[in-house]
Amino acid sequence: MKGLNRAEICDQNFIEFVREWEGRVEARPAPSDPVLEGSALDAGSFVELLESQLVSRHLDLMARVLRVQNKVFYTIGSSGHEGNAMVARLTRHTDPAFLHYRSGAFMAERFRKLPGMDPIMDSALSFAASSEDPASGGRHKVWGSKPLWVLPQTSTIASHLPKALGTAVAIEQARRIGHVSPVPDDSIAICSFGDASSNHATAQTAFNAAAWTSYQKLPAPVLFVCEDNGIGISVKTPGGWIERNFSTRQDLDYFYADGLDLASGYGQVQAAVEHCRRTRRPTFLHLRTTRIMGHAGTDFEIEWRPIEELVAVEAGDPLLRSAAIALQSGLYSKDSLLALYEQIRGKCFAAADAADRTPKLTRLDDVIAPLAPYSPAEVMAEATRSGSEDKRLQVFGSAEKLPEAQPPRHLAIQINNALHDLFCKYPEALLFGEDVAQKGGVYTVTKGLHKAFRNSRVFNTLLDETMILGLAQGYANLGMLPIPEIQYLAYFHNACDQIRGEAASLQFFSNNQYRNPMVVRMAGLGYQRGFGGHFHNDNSISALRDIPGLVVGCPSRGDDAATMLRTLAALAKVDGRVSIFLEPIALYMTKDLYEAGDGQWLTGYPAPDQAMVLGEGRVYEQQGEDLVVFTYGNGVPMSLRAAREITRKHGWKVRVVDLRWLVPLNEDFIAAQAKSAKRILVVDEGRHSAGVGEGVITAIAEAGFAARPFQRVVGVDTYTPLAGAALLVLPGDGDIVAAADRLA
């Protein structure tokens, strides 16, 4: 029993079903007539849908055979889900689609939308991890296509639902701000997932946000397609759960369709699609499917599932029903249907054989090429390009009121000025998050933006970081420049995968065909005099440093913040990059450096034609070689104060190096600063086991300067407590001086 190959059995089931079919044959319909009496599906459409279903099935069968020969590297199949071809047929190729992995038939059908495209060969290249795969360039097996508006998805469960909703909202937002969208104004966003995935917290976030949006009568034309096969890998979904859970939700319009029967399901799918497009409301399509041949090629269901149950599931194969329709309608004879079946099988194996002979990724540079594109000259040209002077005068009030004409200000004001400037420069820029609009944010950093640019560009969201970042991806997908705010670094952890698994990975897995550029503003780090405890003094920077392709900038003073923001916006516009602008909360209002009233941490506002080069640090006292201190954020003013005391005690000339860019670390810059140092001190407000300091020390060691005497001043491996106890676990001025004493 364990040796039975269920894929071979399903294959043979189809052949035997056709050979043994004894039903009544009706008069052959014309292409425009219903395929069966009473069906909304015409005969011509049925013929093409059937072919798409067969393509999907034979791709699955081919993958199972060739996986054991190491010619195919993916066996999660679409068998049993072939009814999703109806969704593809009834939507447009300009409707952005976010698909789960059982979407072979959807893709085969959508390929019909544009001439000259070959779903079999494209799929075979992807299965074979070929560098010629048009979807990902051989980096992953994904369903994706740039011309067909299918944005590649990875396997993180349900993480694509928030950005699908975000894209739906963005379709309408583009019209409100006068942005020319790359898709038609009446497009809808399509998002498919399984019944098991619908229970995931990220999915529930999207459903809630969709209903929240609809409740306020805001358009959100997203078609959620729940392909209900009744099981998640090996865990069964309780019978009736999807209908019970979704059919009565207000502001999420529910439709049911039989995805196992093209003749009856087509009209049901059509009703859902037309409703979504016409009403612009979030729509939930409950598509009945089944799952045959297991979760993947490595899932031997016979080992854990009763044979009687397997046989019953296989008897519900939607291809058997499609074969019956084909024969009953008179569109096919037994021989012609089996000939078509074998013809498509042959095409799939021939494509797989050809794909196996194509080049693969064999060079590291080729693998990572689309991960973090960077065009230095173009980025700097964009960053230093001034926006409309007339618009600036209108927003700021007069030439005398321009920020560069004002006296030095603190960090929060200069960030605010820079944001106003970016909004003057980029009419497609949007700023959104919790409390950012009328209130101006918790720390008033966004004060005045809502008044200047109105609710269509500066707006509050629901309290949900996952959805904030999902919205950002949606806006970016359609060519806007999202600047979402995550209120605190600690709140980012709730939604980390929207950056790690989705936003930062899109360029990589689409071979740089798709981008979702954004600048995420995030308040964080410690030293708020103990206010708020951990969640308002979060120093877990390593959560950001571990995300491939991400850029993280952290200014410590106002002028740096302005020039850094311009560069980050330019990185987004030119190279499609995803970045984090990490704002040290405790430095927002800081005016003084050495003593009360000295005003030495106030800075002027750089003119709009000034920007900071990615990776460029700031050096204080370049001639200081007795001790070189590497730091960032709050550590910069602390280190400058400590440097005075160290000079007084030891007579040393001290150089303080502000890294400014935390991801990626500029290792060449770090090495150049370490080269002339007699002693090295790393001041890292991150934790002992997970901060920035390890990266700095590694760069120094790998450059050959590990023999320099060095010390590290770093936070303790703990959460930050409340009140004065917070300063016991975070580095302070005295700790830096004490470390210098040890070096002496």
Foldseek 3Di string as FASTA:
>chain_A
DLPDQQLVVLVVVQLVLLVPDDDAADAFDDQQPALDPPFPHGNVNLVQLLLLLLLQSLLLSLQLVCVVVLLFDFRQGLFFQSLCCLVLQLAALLQAEEEADNCSSSLSNVQVRDPPDDSLLLQLLLRRLFCPNQFFSSQHRFDDDLSSNYFTADHDQLLQLLLLQLQQLLLCLCVVLVHDFPGDSLHAHEYEHEPVSCPDPNNVVNVVQLQVCVVVVRFRLYEYEYAYAQDDQHRGDPPPVVCVPPPPDPQAHEFEAESLACRGRNVRSNVQNVCSSVSSTHYYYYYYTHDASGSGSVRSVVVPPPPVVNVVRSVSGSSSNSSVSCRRSVVDRSVRVVVSSVVSSVVNNVSSVVSSPHHHDDDPCLLCVQQADDDQVQLLVQLLDFADPVLQCVLQVHPCRQQLNDPFAWALQLLCSLVSRVCRRFSLEAEEEACCAPNNAPVNSPPSVCVRNNCSRYHYGPHDPQSQLSSLQSNQQGPGEYAYEDRAPLSCVNNLCSVQNPQSCSSNRRVNSTARQYEYEHEEAADPQQPPFQRRHPQQCLSVQPRTNEWEFEAATSQQSSQAVSSSSSCCNPSRGYYYYYYHPVRRRDQDQQDPPPRPRTDGHDDSSHHDRVQDKDKDQLVFAAEEEEEEHPVQSLVVNLQVVLCVVPVGRYMYIYRRIQVPHPLVVLCVSLVRHQEYEYEWQHEPVGTRVVVSQVSNVVSPNNPRHYYYHYFYPDTQHGHNSNPVRGDGSVSVNVRSVVVD
